[in-house]
Amino acid sequence: MLKNMLKGLLISLGIGLGCNLSIAAPNPPQITEDGQSLLQKMYEAINNTNYSFYYTKAVGSQIESMCWNHGIADNKNIGQSLYLDNDITGFFKIENNVIYFNNNQILNAVKNGRMPSVFDRLGQIKASKIIESYEPIVLGVNRIANRQSITLKLLPRWNDRYSYLLNIDYEHYLPLNFQVVNPSVGIIESYNGTYLDIYQNPNDEIKNIANLKYENFYISKNDEAVNSVDFDWTLSYIPTGFELVFKSRYSLGENGNKVEHLLYTDGLVDFSVYKLKSLDSIDYPIVHQGSTNLLRYNIPNNELVIVGELPLDIEQKIVQSYKDNKENLNVNNK
């Protein structure tokens, strides 16, 4: 852990750490693969390579140093995401389970969990799924962290979500840079690689995580069938390509307020819609954080909260399509 913190400090100061990133620049490589092939090779590399990747996450003026460790240990696909600037916090990915922690203490675990950001999810989605909603366009060759990389643009097939710029390492096919682009304002969130280290065997952090006991920390099971819970309301507008992958009703907080929760994804981008009792004591109607927007929308006796990696106008359109099935039933029975 001390080694990780030291590397994080050097990264934040812009100091190179040698290793694979200090090689002399070769001639620009020739690109022979199309966008889909490059995305599939990236997916396979993320899930089959033992490596550590150090990078900075930039949202507005806020820059954070981060690290992603990955490896195969005890026949398990394991990842570890760390924030390096302050308290050691982040999450583990063990197969399809996501386990959040702070200061080496497990907070909770989610079965079949979705990882927190679009950048994190690049290793969760195959190329064949990405191209259903995005056209991968090869833009050329660039140098990132002193490595040759191939630049891809993920252009949405509909004008209801962001586009993405992605740099894939030419040698190992791992992601080196990732930028979220809002067409109206430009880059709104970026992940900028600074150091990549490839291992023949998993490192000690990954080996330790392989033996982690986390089963007692589950807070939800995302493997429930989405049709196992009935709601008395619907959303008449969902952006094309998004699928309902989670639907649940549960209690929130000590007062036991009921929450009804829908989670949609196009594979890369997620958004959640919550129906709950109005939060009168909370003033904020809208919260922006990089590519993520949170919007509150009043409905009779309740409110909807939508949070996801979508443009604000699309989130507004989704919650404004709310339909109360009970009202429709009462009208039909008159």
C-alpha atoms as a PDB file:
ATOM      1  CA  MET A   1       0.000   0.000   0.000  1.00  0.00           C
ATOM      2  CA  LEU A   2       2.890   2.395   0.770  1.00  0.00           C
ATOM      3  CA  LYS A   3       4.245   1.636  -2.705  1.00  0.00           C
ATOM      4  CA  ASN A   4       0.911   2.672  -4.212  1.00  0.00           C
ATOM      5  CA  MET A   5       0.825   5.916  -2.229  1.00  0.00           C
ATOM      6  CA  LEU A   6       4.386   6.771  -3.311  1.00  0.00           C
ATOM      7  CA  LYS A   7       3.533   6.163  -6.953  1.00  0.00           C
ATOM      8  CA  GLY A   8       0.397   8.288  -6.545  1.00  0.00           C
ATOM      9  CA  LEU A   9       2.483  11.164  -5.178  1.00  0.00           C
ATOM     10  CA  LEU A  10       4.907  10.955  -8.078  1.00  0.00           C
ATOM     11  CA  ILE A  11       2.010  10.863 -10.529  1.00  0.00           C
ATOM     12  CA  SER A  12       0.424  13.979  -9.048  1.00  0.00           C
ATOM     13  CA  LEU A  13       3.781  15.762  -9.418  1.00  0.00           C
ATOM     14  CA  GLY A  14       4.066  14.653 -13.040  1.00  0.00           C
ATOM     15  CA  ILE A  15       7.199  12.577 -12.422  1.00  0.00           C
ATOM     16  CA  GLY A  16       7.654   9.495 -14.616  1.00  0.00           C
ATOM     17  CA  LEU A  17       8.388   6.167 -12.980  1.00  0.00           C
ATOM     18  CA  GLY A  18      10.398   4.575 -15.752  1.00  0.00           C
ATOM     19  CA  CYS A  19       9.538   0.949 -16.524  1.00  0.00           C
ATOM     20  CA  ASN A  20       7.590   0.352 -19.732  1.00  0.00           C
ATOM     21  CA  LEU A  21       6.778   4.024 -20.278  1.00  0.00           C
ATOM     22  CA  SER A  22      10.360   5.174 -20.735  1.00  0.00           C
ATOM     23  CA  ILE A  23      11.002   3.385 -24.020  1.00  0.00           C
ATOM     24  CA  ALA A  24      12.244   5.333 -27.003  1.00  0.00           C
ATOM     25  CA  ALA A  25       9.558   6.396 -29.453  1.00  0.00           C
ATOM     26  CA  PRO A  26       9.345   4.042 -32.461  1.00  0.00           C
ATOM     27  CA  ASN A  27       7.978   5.060 -35.820  1.00  0.00           C
ATOM     28  CA  PRO A  28       4.186   5.554 -35.836  1.00  0.00           C
ATOM     29  CA  PRO A  29       2.545   2.111 -36.166  1.00  0.00           C
ATOM     30  CA  GLN A  30       0.158   1.146 -38.924  1.00  0.00           C
ATOM     31  CA  ILE A  31      -3.453   0.554 -37.912  1.00  0.00           C
ATOM     32  CA  THR A  32      -4.845  -2.564 -39.579  1.00  0.00           C
ATOM     33  CA  GLU A  33      -7.919  -3.235 -37.410  1.00  0.00           C
ATOM     34  CA  ASP A  34     -11.323  -1.577 -37.476  1.00  0.00           C
ATOM     35  CA  GLY A  35     -12.956   0.011 -34.457  1.00  0.00           C
ATOM     36  CA  GLN A  36     -14.940  -3.030 -33.372  1.00  0.00           C
ATOM     37  CA  SER A  37     -11.880  -5.292 -33.489  1.00  0.00           C
ATOM     38  CA  LEU A  38      -9.893  -2.819 -31.384  1.00  0.00           C
ATOM     39  CA  LEU A  39     -12.685  -2.602 -28.809  1.00  0.00           C
ATOM     40  CA  GLN A  40     -12.869  -6.393 -28.545  1.00  0.00           C
ATOM     41  CA  LYS A  41      -9.089  -6.691 -28.130  1.00  0.00           C
ATOM     42  CA  MET A  42      -9.268  -4.042 -25.414  1.00  0.00           C
ATOM     43  CA  TYR A  43     -12.027  -5.958 -23.602  1.00  0.00           C
ATOM     44  CA  GLU A  44      -9.972  -9.157 -23.706  1.00  0.00           C
ATOM     45  CA  ALA A  45      -6.791  -7.369 -22.578  1.00  0.00           C
ATOM     46  CA  ILE A  46      -8.516  -5.724 -19.610  1.00  0.00           C
ATOM     47  CA  ASN A  47      -9.850  -9.072 -18.424  1.00  0.00           C
ATOM     48  CA  ASN A  48      -6.805 -11.272 -19.115  1.00  0.00           C
ATOM     49  CA  THR A  49      -3.751  -9.126 -18.329  1.00  0.00           C
ATOM     50  CA  ASN A  50      -1.976  -8.769 -14.993  1.00  0.00           C
ATOM     51  CA  TYR A  51      -1.246  -5.057 -14.755  1.00  0.00           C
ATOM     52  CA  SER A  52      -1.297  -1.826 -12.755  1.00  0.00           C
ATOM     53  CA  PHE A  53      -2.474   1.405 -14.347  1.00  0.00           C
ATOM     54  CA  TYR A  54      -1.960   4.815 -12.748  1.00  0.00           C
ATOM     55  CA  TYR A  55      -3.924   7.793 -13.982  1.00  0.00           C
ATOM     56  CA  THR A  56      -5.558  11.075 -13.018  1.00  0.00           C
ATOM     57  CA  LYS A  57      -9.291  11.697 -13.077  1.00  0.00           C
ATOM     58  CA  ALA A  58     -10.219  15.283 -13.970  1.00  0.00           C
ATOM     59  CA  VAL A  59     -13.674  16.785 -13.430  1.00  0.00           C
ATOM     60  CA  GLY A  60     -13.616  20.543 -13.889  1.00  0.00           C
ATOM     61  CA  SER A  61     -10.788  21.919 -11.745  1.00  0.00           C
ATOM     62  CA  GLN A  62     -10.729  18.835  -9.490  1.00  0.00           C
ATOM     63  CA  ILE A  63      -7.931  16.359 -10.279  1.00  0.00           C
ATOM     64  CA  GLU A  64      -7.537  13.085  -8.384  1.00  0.00           C
ATOM     65  CA  SER A  65      -4.758  10.493  -8.577  1.00  0.00           C
ATOM     66  CA  MET A  66      -6.017   6.945  -9.004  1.00  0.00           C
ATOM     67  CA  CYS A  67      -4.799   3.404  -9.593  1.00  0.00           C
ATOM     68  CA  TRP A  68      -6.363   0.329 -11.181  1.00  0.00           C
ATOM     69  CA  ASN A  69      -4.823  -3.080 -10.401  1.00  0.00           C
ATOM     70  CA  HIS A  70      -5.954  -6.169 -12.253  1.00  0.00           C
ATOM     71  CA  GLY A  71      -5.014  -9.818 -12.275  1.00  0.00           C
ATOM     72  CA  ILE A  72      -6.134 -13.428 -12.418  1.00  0.00           C
ATOM     73  CA  ALA A  73      -5.645 -15.165  -9.062  1.00  0.00           C
ATOM     74  CA  ASP A  74      -7.157 -18.461  -7.884  1.00  0.00           C
ATOM     75  CA  ASN A  75      -8.962 -18.580 -11.246  1.00  0.00           C
ATOM     76  CA  LYS A  76     -10.795 -15.351 -10.343  1.00  0.00           C
ATOM     77  CA  ASN A  77     -10.959 -12.184 -12.410  1.00  0.00           C
ATOM     78  CA  ILE A  78     -10.018  -9.475  -9.905  1.00  0.00           C
ATOM     79  CA  GLY A  79      -9.740  -5.696 -10.117  1.00  0.00           C
ATOM     80  CA  GLN A  80      -8.942  -3.010  -7.561  1.00  0.00           C
ATOM     81  CA  SER A  81      -9.697   0.712  -7.944  1.00  0.00           C
ATOM     82  CA  LEU A  82      -7.956   3.095  -5.529  1.00  0.00           C
ATOM     83  CA  TYR A  83      -8.101   6.815  -4.822  1.00  0.00           C
ATOM     84  CA  LEU A  84      -4.555   7.761  -3.828  1.00  0.00           C
ATOM     85  CA  ASP A  85      -4.666  11.378  -2.671  1.00  0.00           C
ATOM     86  CA  ASN A  86      -6.323  11.048   0.750  1.00  0.00           C
ATOM     87  CA  ASP A  87      -7.828   8.100   2.599  1.00  0.00           C
ATOM     88  CA  ILE A  88      -7.360   4.774   0.839  1.00  0.00           C
ATOM     89  CA  THR A  89     -10.816   4.298  -0.621  1.00  0.00           C
ATOM     90  CA  GLY A  90     -12.276   2.618  -3.691  1.00  0.00           C
ATOM     91  CA  PHE A  91     -13.690  -0.737  -4.686  1.00  0.00           C
ATOM     92  CA  PHE A  92     -12.748  -4.311  -5.580  1.00  0.00           C
ATOM     93  CA  LYS A  93     -14.188  -6.333  -8.430  1.00  0.00           C
ATOM     94  CA  ILE A  94     -14.155 -10.078  -7.830  1.00  0.00           C
ATOM     95  CA  GLU A  95     -15.724 -11.828 -10.815  1.00  0.00           C
ATOM     96  CA  ASN A  96     -19.157 -10.132 -11.054  1.00  0.00           C
ATOM     97  CA  ASN A  97     -19.215  -8.784  -7.503  1.00  0.00           C
ATOM     98  CA  VAL A  98     -18.331  -5.175  -6.613  1.00  0.00           C
ATOM     99  CA  ILE A  99     -17.100  -4.513  -3.053  1.00  0.00           C
ATOM    100  CA  TYR A 100     -16.664  -0.943  -1.781  1.00  0.00           C
ATOM    101  CA  PHE A 101     -14.160  -0.081   0.973  1.00  0.00           C
ATOM    102  CA  ASN A 102     -12.697   2.826   2.908  1.00  0.00           C
ATOM    103  CA  ASN A 103      -9.453   2.717   4.927  1.00  0.00           C
ATOM    104  CA  ASN A 104      -9.237  -1.046   4.385  1.00  0.00           C
ATOM    105  CA  GLN A 105     -12.710  -1.561   5.878  1.00  0.00           C
ATOM    106  CA  ILE A 106     -15.415  -3.098   3.683  1.00  0.00           C
ATOM    107  CA  LEU A 107     -18.503  -0.881   3.449  1.00  0.00           C
ATOM    108  CA  ASN A 108     -20.814  -3.019   1.307  1.00  0.00           C
ATOM    109  CA  ALA A 109     -20.913  -5.484  -1.554  1.00  0.00           C
ATOM    110  CA  VAL A 110     -23.198  -5.775  -4.578  1.00  0.00           C
ATOM    111  CA  LYS A 111     -23.838  -8.999  -6.471  1.00  0.00           C
ATOM    112  CA  ASN A 112     -23.586  -8.621 -10.236  1.00  0.00           C
ATOM    113  CA  GLY A 113     -22.790  -4.987  -9.564  1.00  0.00           C
ATOM    114  CA  ARG A 114     -22.182  -2.293 -12.148  1.00  0.00           C
ATOM    115  CA  MET A 115     -18.895  -0.470 -11.672  1.00  0.00           C
ATOM    116  CA  PRO A 116     -19.161   3.237 -10.806  1.00  0.00           C
ATOM    117  CA  SER A 117     -18.001   5.011 -13.982  1.00  0.00           C
ATOM    118  CA  VAL A 118     -18.100   4.512 -17.738  1.00  0.00           C
ATOM    119  CA  PHE A 119     -14.298   4.238 -17.724  1.00  0.00           C
ATOM    120  CA  ASP A 120     -14.468   1.429 -15.147  1.00  0.00           C
ATOM    121  CA  ARG A 121     -17.055  -0.427 -17.243  1.00  0.00           C
ATOM    122  CA  LEU A 122     -14.896  -0.713 -20.359  1.00  0.00           C
ATOM    123  CA  GLY A 123     -13.900  -4.171 -19.136  1.00  0.00           C
ATOM    124  CA  GLN A 124     -17.500  -5.225 -18.468  1.00  0.00           C
ATOM    125  CA  ILE A 125     -18.895  -4.887 -21.975  1.00  0.00           C
ATOM    126  CA  LYS A 126     -17.985  -6.694 -25.174  1.00  0.00           C
ATOM    127  CA  ALA A 127     -17.480  -4.821 -28.425  1.00  0.00           C
ATOM    128  CA  SER A 128     -20.596  -6.360 -29.985  1.00  0.00           C
ATOM    129  CA  LYS A 129     -22.709  -4.648 -27.313  1.00  0.00           C
ATOM    130  CA  ILE A 130     -20.944  -1.280 -27.532  1.00  0.00           C
ATOM    131  CA  ILE A 131     -21.502  -0.972 -31.283  1.00  0.00           C
ATOM    132  CA  GLU A 132     -25.266  -1.356 -30.832  1.00  0.00           C
ATOM    133  CA  SER A 133     -25.338   2.191 -29.429  1.00  0.00           C
ATOM    134  CA  TYR A 134     -22.018   3.702 -30.564  1.00  0.00           C
ATOM    135  CA  GLU A 135     -20.086   3.812 -33.814  1.00  0.00           C
ATOM    136  CA  PRO A 136     -16.343   3.274 -33.133  1.00  0.00           C
ATOM    137  CA  ILE A 137     -14.338   5.538 -35.443  1.00  0.00           C
ATOM    138  CA  VAL A 138     -10.560   5.111 -35.694  1.00  0.00           C
ATOM    139  CA  LEU A 139      -8.986   8.594 -35.672  1.00  0.00           C
ATOM    140  CA  GLY A 140      -5.295   7.696 -35.849  1.00  0.00           C
ATOM    141  CA  VAL A 141      -2.210   7.282 -33.675  1.00  0.00           C
ATOM    142  CA  ASN A 142      -1.232   9.370 -30.664  1.00  0.00           C
ATOM    143  CA  ARG A 143       1.293   9.218 -27.814  1.00  0.00           C
ATOM    144  CA  ILE A 144      -0.035   8.863 -24.283  1.00  0.00           C
ATOM    145  CA  ALA A 145       2.312   8.532 -21.295  1.00  0.00           C
ATOM    146  CA  ASN A 146       5.190   8.005 -23.720  1.00  0.00           C
ATOM    147  CA  ARG A 147       3.441   5.050 -25.377  1.00  0.00           C
ATOM    148  CA  GLN A 148       2.027   4.618 -28.849  1.00  0.00           C
ATOM    149  CA  SER A 149      -1.750   4.501 -28.737  1.00  0.00           C
ATOM    150  CA  ILE A 150      -4.657   4.292 -31.146  1.00  0.00           C
ATOM    151  CA  THR A 151      -7.364   6.937 -30.803  1.00  0.00           C
ATOM    152  CA  LEU A 152     -11.012   5.886 -31.128  1.00  0.00           C
ATOM    153  CA  LYS A 153     -14.104   8.017 -31.030  1.00  0.00           C
ATOM    154  CA  LEU A 154     -17.296   6.368 -29.766  1.00  0.00           C
ATOM    155  CA  LEU A 155     -19.975   8.323 -31.585  1.00  0.00           C
ATOM    156  CA  PRO A 156     -23.521   7.744 -30.282  1.00  0.00           C
ATOM    157  CA  ARG A 157     -25.977   6.488 -32.862  1.00  0.00           C
ATOM    158  CA  TRP A 158     -28.684   8.742 -31.366  1.00  0.00           C
ATOM    159  CA  ASN A 159     -28.419  12.318 -30.093  1.00  0.00           C
ATOM    160  CA  ASP A 160     -29.389  11.410 -26.536  1.00  0.00           C
ATOM    161  CA  ARG A 161     -26.056  10.618 -24.874  1.00  0.00           C
ATOM    162  CA  TYR A 162     -22.422  11.702 -24.739  1.00  0.00           C
ATOM    163  CA  SER A 163     -19.627  10.730 -27.107  1.00  0.00           C
ATOM    164  CA  TYR A 164     -16.261   9.382 -25.931  1.00  0.00           C
ATOM    165  CA  LEU A 165     -12.624   9.619 -26.966  1.00  0.00           C
ATOM    166  CA  LEU A 166     -10.535   6.563 -26.120  1.00  0.00           C
ATOM    167  CA  ASN A 167      -6.805   5.867 -26.478  1.00  0.00           C
ATOM    168  CA  ILE A 168      -5.845   2.183 -26.592  1.00  0.00           C
ATOM    169  CA  ASP A 169      -2.249   1.085 -26.050  1.00  0.00           C
ATOM    170  CA  TYR A 170      -0.845  -0.150 -29.367  1.00  0.00           C
ATOM    171  CA  GLU A 171       1.197  -2.966 -27.806  1.00  0.00           C
ATOM    172  CA  HIS A 172      -1.077  -4.325 -25.048  1.00  0.00           C
ATOM    173  CA  TYR A 173      -4.520  -3.005 -26.098  1.00  0.00           C
ATOM    174  CA  LEU A 174      -5.207  -1.562 -22.648  1.00  0.00           C
ATOM    175  CA  PRO A 175      -6.998   1.808 -22.288  1.00  0.00           C
ATOM    176  CA  LEU A 176      -4.629   4.716 -21.616  1.00  0.00           C
ATOM    177  CA  ASN A 177      -6.904   7.736 -21.897  1.00  0.00           C
ATOM    178  CA  PHE A 178     -10.660   8.241 -21.793  1.00  0.00           C
ATOM    179  CA  GLN A 179     -12.600  11.463 -22.269  1.00  0.00           C
ATOM    180  CA  VAL A 180     -16.316  12.186 -21.996  1.00  0.00           C
ATOM    181  CA  VAL A 181     -17.455  14.755 -24.559  1.00  0.00           C
ATOM    182  CA  ASN A 182     -20.623  16.809 -24.368  1.00  0.00           C
ATOM    183  CA  PRO A 183     -21.128  18.233 -27.883  1.00  0.00           C
ATOM    184  CA  SER A 184     -22.392  21.544 -26.509  1.00  0.00           C
ATOM    185  CA  VAL A 185     -19.519  22.257 -24.079  1.00  0.00           C
ATOM    186  CA  GLY A 186     -16.629  19.904 -24.954  1.00  0.00           C
ATOM    187  CA  ILE A 187     -14.757  17.567 -22.582  1.00  0.00           C
ATOM    188  CA  ILE A 188     -16.533  17.306 -19.215  1.00  0.00           C
ATOM    189  CA  GLU A 189     -14.631  14.395 -17.627  1.00  0.00           C
ATOM    190  CA  SER A 190     -11.297  12.753 -18.403  1.00  0.00           C
ATOM    191  CA  TYR A 191      -9.109   9.867 -17.285  1.00  0.00           C
ATOM    192  CA  ASN A 192      -5.484  10.492 -18.219  1.00  0.00           C
ATOM    193  CA  GLY A 193      -2.943   7.668 -18.044  1.00  0.00           C
ATOM    194  CA  THR A 194       0.492   8.333 -16.554  1.00  0.00           C
ATOM    195  CA  TYR A 195       1.990   4.904 -15.857  1.00  0.00           C
ATOM    196  CA  LEU A 196       1.353   1.338 -17.009  1.00  0.00           C
ATOM    197  CA  ASP A 197       3.067  -1.725 -15.581  1.00  0.00           C
ATOM    198  CA  ILE A 198       2.538  -5.231 -16.994  1.00  0.00           C
ATOM    199  CA  TYR A 199       3.209  -8.318 -14.850  1.00  0.00           C
ATOM    200  CA  GLN A 200       3.667 -11.941 -15.767  1.00  0.00           C
ATOM    201  CA  ASN A 201       1.907 -12.911 -12.506  1.00  0.00           C
ATOM    202  CA  PRO A 202      -0.674 -11.034 -10.397  1.00  0.00           C
ATOM    203  CA  ASN A 203       0.793  -8.600  -7.870  1.00  0.00           C
ATOM    204  CA  ASP A 204       0.459  -8.947  -4.090  1.00  0.00           C
ATOM    205  CA  GLU A 205      -2.614  -6.701  -3.868  1.00  0.00           C
ATOM    206  CA  ILE A 206      -4.522  -8.956  -6.267  1.00  0.00           C
ATOM    207  CA  LYS A 207      -3.406 -12.122  -4.457  1.00  0.00           C
ATOM    208  CA  ASN A 208      -4.647 -10.691  -1.145  1.00  0.00           C
ATOM    209  CA  ILE A 209      -8.011  -9.721  -2.615  1.00  0.00           C
ATOM    210  CA  ALA A 210      -8.494 -13.267  -3.934  1.00  0.00           C
ATOM    211  CA  ASN A 211      -8.781 -14.441  -0.313  1.00  0.00           C
ATOM    212  CA  LEU A 212     -11.104 -11.635   0.795  1.00  0.00           C
ATOM    213  CA  LYS A 213     -14.264 -12.608   2.700  1.00  0.00           C
ATOM    214  CA  TYR A 214     -17.089 -10.255   1.746  1.00  0.00           C
ATOM    215  CA  GLU A 215     -20.262 -12.357   1.636  1.00  0.00           C
ATOM    216  CA  ASN A 216     -21.669 -10.821   4.863  1.00  0.00           C
ATOM    217  CA  PHE A 217     -21.630  -7.308   3.358  1.00  0.00           C
ATOM    218  CA  TYR A 218     -24.167  -7.757   0.540  1.00  0.00           C
ATOM    219  CA  ILE A 219     -26.713  -4.926   0.406  1.00  0.00           C
ATOM    220  CA  SER A 220     -28.591  -6.020  -2.711  1.00  0.00           C
ATOM    221  CA  LYS A 221     -28.772  -8.812  -5.225  1.00  0.00           C
ATOM    222  CA  ASN A 222     -28.844  -7.481  -8.764  1.00  0.00           C
ATOM    223  CA  ASP A 223     -29.572 -10.940 -10.103  1.00  0.00           C
ATOM    224  CA  GLU A 224     -33.285 -10.603  -9.224  1.00  0.00           C
ATOM    225  CA  ALA A 225     -35.553 -10.946 -12.236  1.00  0.00           C
ATOM    226  CA  VAL A 226     -36.755  -7.501 -13.317  1.00  0.00           C
ATOM    227  CA  ASN A 227     -40.322  -8.774 -13.695  1.00  0.00           C
ATOM    228  CA  SER A 228     -40.463 -10.122 -10.125  1.00  0.00           C
ATOM    229  CA  VAL A 229     -41.610  -6.719  -8.762  1.00  0.00           C
ATOM    230  CA  ASP A 230     -44.629  -4.749  -9.992  1.00  0.00           C
ATOM    231  CA  PHE A 231     -44.784  -0.951  -9.827  1.00  0.00           C
ATOM    232  CA  ASP A 232     -47.964   1.099 -10.322  1.00  0.00           C
ATOM    233  CA  TRP A 233     -46.128   3.577 -12.551  1.00  0.00           C
ATOM    234  CA  THR A 234     -44.177   3.552 -15.785  1.00  0.00           C
ATOM    235  CA  LEU A 235     -41.858   5.732 -17.855  1.00  0.00           C
ATOM    236  CA  SER A 236     -43.111   6.176 -21.407  1.00  0.00           C
ATOM    237  CA  TYR A 237     -39.764   7.456 -22.706  1.00  0.00           C
ATOM    238  CA  ILE A 238     -36.513   5.516 -22.415  1.00  0.00           C
ATOM    239  CA  PRO A 239     -33.628   6.372 -24.792  1.00  0.00           C
ATOM    240  CA  THR A 240     -33.118   3.847 -27.586  1.00  0.00           C
ATOM    241  CA  GLY A 241     -30.720   1.028 -26.706  1.00  0.00           C
ATOM    242  CA  PHE A 242     -31.203   1.157 -22.935  1.00  0.00           C
ATOM    243  CA  GLU A 243     -32.416  -1.989 -21.200  1.00  0.00           C
ATOM    244  CA  LEU A 244     -33.949  -2.443 -17.760  1.00  0.00           C
ATOM    245  CA  VAL A 245     -31.496  -4.577 -15.769  1.00  0.00           C
ATOM    246  CA  PHE A 246     -32.609  -4.003 -12.167  1.00  0.00           C
ATOM    247  CA  LYS A 247     -35.969  -3.349 -10.541  1.00  0.00           C
ATOM    248  CA  SER A 248     -36.475  -3.386  -6.797  1.00  0.00           C
ATOM    249  CA  ARG A 249     -38.453  -1.987  -3.860  1.00  0.00           C
ATOM    250  CA  TYR A 250     -36.661  -1.495  -0.558  1.00  0.00           C
ATOM    251  CA  SER A 251     -36.500   0.661   2.582  1.00  0.00           C
ATOM    252  CA  LEU A 252     -34.296   3.717   2.856  1.00  0.00           C
ATOM    253  CA  GLY A 253     -32.761   4.955   6.093  1.00  0.00           C
ATOM    254  CA  GLU A 254     -33.880   4.537   9.684  1.00  0.00           C
ATOM    255  CA  ASN A 255     -37.434   5.776   9.059  1.00  0.00           C
ATOM    256  CA  GLY A 256     -38.066   2.953   6.614  1.00  0.00           C
ATOM    257  CA  ASN A 257     -39.272   5.084   3.705  1.00  0.00           C
ATOM    258  CA  LYS A 258     -40.007   2.907   0.697  1.00  0.00           C
ATOM    259  CA  VAL A 259     -38.000   3.410  -2.469  1.00  0.00           C
ATOM    260  CA  GLU A 260     -38.795   1.998  -5.892  1.00  0.00           C
ATOM    261  CA  HIS A 261     -35.698   1.743  -8.055  1.00  0.00           C
ATOM    262  CA  LEU A 262     -35.170   1.150 -11.779  1.00  0.00           C
ATOM    263  CA  LEU A 263     -31.700   0.738 -13.326  1.00  0.00           C
ATOM    264  CA  TYR A 264     -31.175   0.996 -17.091  1.00  0.00           C
ATOM    265  CA  THR A 265     -28.023   0.518 -19.144  1.00  0.00           C
ATOM    266  CA  ASP A 266     -26.882   0.516 -22.761  1.00  0.00           C
ATOM    267  CA  GLY A 267     -23.927  -1.564 -21.573  1.00  0.00           C
ATOM    268  CA  LEU A 268     -21.602   1.404 -21.233  1.00  0.00           C
ATOM    269  CA  VAL A 269     -23.815   4.089 -19.667  1.00  0.00           C
ATOM    270  CA  ASP A 270     -26.139   3.607 -16.686  1.00  0.00           C
ATOM    271  CA  PHE A 271     -28.961   5.636 -15.226  1.00  0.00           C
ATOM    272  CA  SER A 272     -31.203   4.987 -12.231  1.00  0.00           C
ATOM    273  CA  VAL A 273     -34.688   6.312 -11.484  1.00  0.00           C
ATOM    274  CA  TYR A 274     -35.957   6.322  -7.897  1.00  0.00           C
ATOM    275  CA  LYS A 275     -39.517   6.993  -6.745  1.00  0.00           C
ATOM    276  CA  LEU A 276     -39.676   8.019  -3.091  1.00  0.00           C
ATOM    277  CA  LYS A 277     -41.442  10.247  -0.598  1.00  0.00           C
ATOM    278  CA  SER A 278     -40.654  13.911  -1.240  1.00  0.00           C
ATOM    279  CA  LEU A 279     -37.437  15.061   0.439  1.00  0.00           C
ATOM    280  CA  ASP A 280     -38.778  18.400   1.666  1.00  0.00           C
ATOM    281  CA  SER A 281     -35.735  19.106   3.847  1.00  0.00           C
ATOM    282  CA  ILE A 282     -33.323  18.959   0.890  1.00  0.00           C
ATOM    283  CA  ASP A 283     -33.152  22.012  -1.376  1.00  0.00           C
ATOM    284  CA  TYR A 284     -31.071  20.941  -4.355  1.00  0.00           C
ATOM    285  CA  PRO A 285     -33.044  20.235  -7.564  1.00  0.00           C
ATOM    286  CA  ILE A 286     -30.044  19.465  -9.789  1.00  0.00           C
ATOM    287  CA  VAL A 287     -26.499  18.249  -9.099  1.00  0.00           C
ATOM    288  CA  HIS A 288     -23.746  18.096 -11.738  1.00  0.00           C
ATOM    289  CA  GLN A 289     -20.526  16.121 -11.341  1.00  0.00           C
ATOM    290  CA  GLY A 290     -18.647  15.666 -14.579  1.00  0.00           C
ATOM    291  CA  SER A 291     -20.701  13.426 -16.849  1.00  0.00           C
ATOM    292  CA  THR A 292     -23.133  12.520 -14.052  1.00  0.00           C
ATOM    293  CA  ASN A 293     -26.307  14.510 -13.472  1.00  0.00           C
ATOM    294  CA  LEU A 294     -28.819  14.158 -10.636  1.00  0.00           C
ATOM    295  CA  LEU A 295     -32.271  15.631 -11.153  1.00  0.00           C
ATOM    296  CA  ARG A 296     -35.280  15.753  -8.803  1.00  0.00           C
ATOM    297  CA  TYR A 297     -38.764  15.895 -10.273  1.00  0.00           C
ATOM    298  CA  ASN A 298     -41.970  16.412  -8.259  1.00  0.00           C
ATOM    299  CA  ILE A 299     -44.963  14.135  -8.742  1.00  0.00           C
ATOM    300  CA  PRO A 300     -48.135  13.978  -6.574  1.00  0.00           C
ATOM    301  CA  ASN A 301     -47.178  13.052  -2.966  1.00  0.00           C
ATOM    302  CA  ASN A 302     -43.753  11.825  -4.095  1.00  0.00           C
ATOM    303  CA  GLU A 303     -40.775  12.687  -6.226  1.00  0.00           C
ATOM    304  CA  LEU A 304     -38.612  11.034  -8.820  1.00  0.00           C
ATOM    305  CA  VAL A 305     -34.829  11.211  -8.594  1.00  0.00           C
ATOM    306  CA  ILE A 306     -32.866  10.335 -11.706  1.00  0.00           C
ATOM    307  CA  VAL A 307     -29.091  10.007 -11.626  1.00  0.00           C
ATOM    308  CA  GLY A 308     -26.880   8.858 -14.458  1.00  0.00           C
ATOM    309  CA  GLU A 309     -24.324   9.625 -17.143  1.00  0.00           C
ATOM    310  CA  LEU A 310     -26.765  11.335 -19.487  1.00  0.00           C
ATOM    311  CA  PRO A 311     -27.218  14.934 -20.635  1.00  0.00           C
ATOM    312  CA  LEU A 312     -29.556  16.870 -18.361  1.00  0.00           C
ATOM    313  CA  ASP A 313     -32.195  17.497 -21.044  1.00  0.00           C
ATOM    314  CA  ILE A 314     -32.480  13.740 -21.653  1.00  0.00           C
ATOM    315  CA  GLU A 315     -32.899  13.060 -17.928  1.00  0.00           C
ATOM    316  CA  GLN A 316     -35.639  15.707 -17.834  1.00  0.00           C
ATOM    317  CA  LYS A 317     -37.393  14.049 -20.747  1.00  0.00           C
ATOM    318  CA  ILE A 318     -37.262  10.663 -18.981  1.00  0.00           C
ATOM    319  CA  VAL A 319     -38.805  11.822 -15.676  1.00  0.00           C
ATOM    320  CA  GLN A 320     -41.386  13.994 -17.455  1.00  0.00           C
ATOM    321  CA  SER A 321     -42.648  10.803 -19.161  1.00  0.00           C
ATOM    322  CA  TYR A 322     -43.807   9.457 -15.768  1.00  0.00           C
ATOM    323  CA  LYS A 323     -47.229   7.798 -15.918  1.00  0.00           C
ATOM    324  CA  ASP A 324     -49.282   6.808 -12.856  1.00  0.00           C
ATOM    325  CA  ASN A 325     -51.038   3.580 -13.744  1.00  0.00           C
ATOM    326  CA  LYS A 326     -53.492   3.953 -10.840  1.00  0.00           C
ATOM    327  CA  GLU A 327     -54.784   7.242 -12.245  1.00  0.00           C
ATOM    328  CA  ASN A 328     -55.232   5.657 -15.668  1.00  0.00           C
ATOM    329  CA  LEU A 329     -57.105   2.746 -14.086  1.00  0.00           C
ATOM    330  CA  ASN A 330     -59.429   5.081 -12.166  1.00  0.00           C
ATOM    331  CA  VAL A 331     -60.231   7.038 -15.337  1.00  0.00           C
ATOM    332  CA  ASN A 332     -61.013   3.846 -17.273  1.00  0.00           C
ATOM    333  CA  ASN A 333     -63.330   2.609 -14.485  1.00  0.00           C
ATOM    334  CA  LYS A 334     -65.481   5.747 -14.418  1.00  0.00           C
END
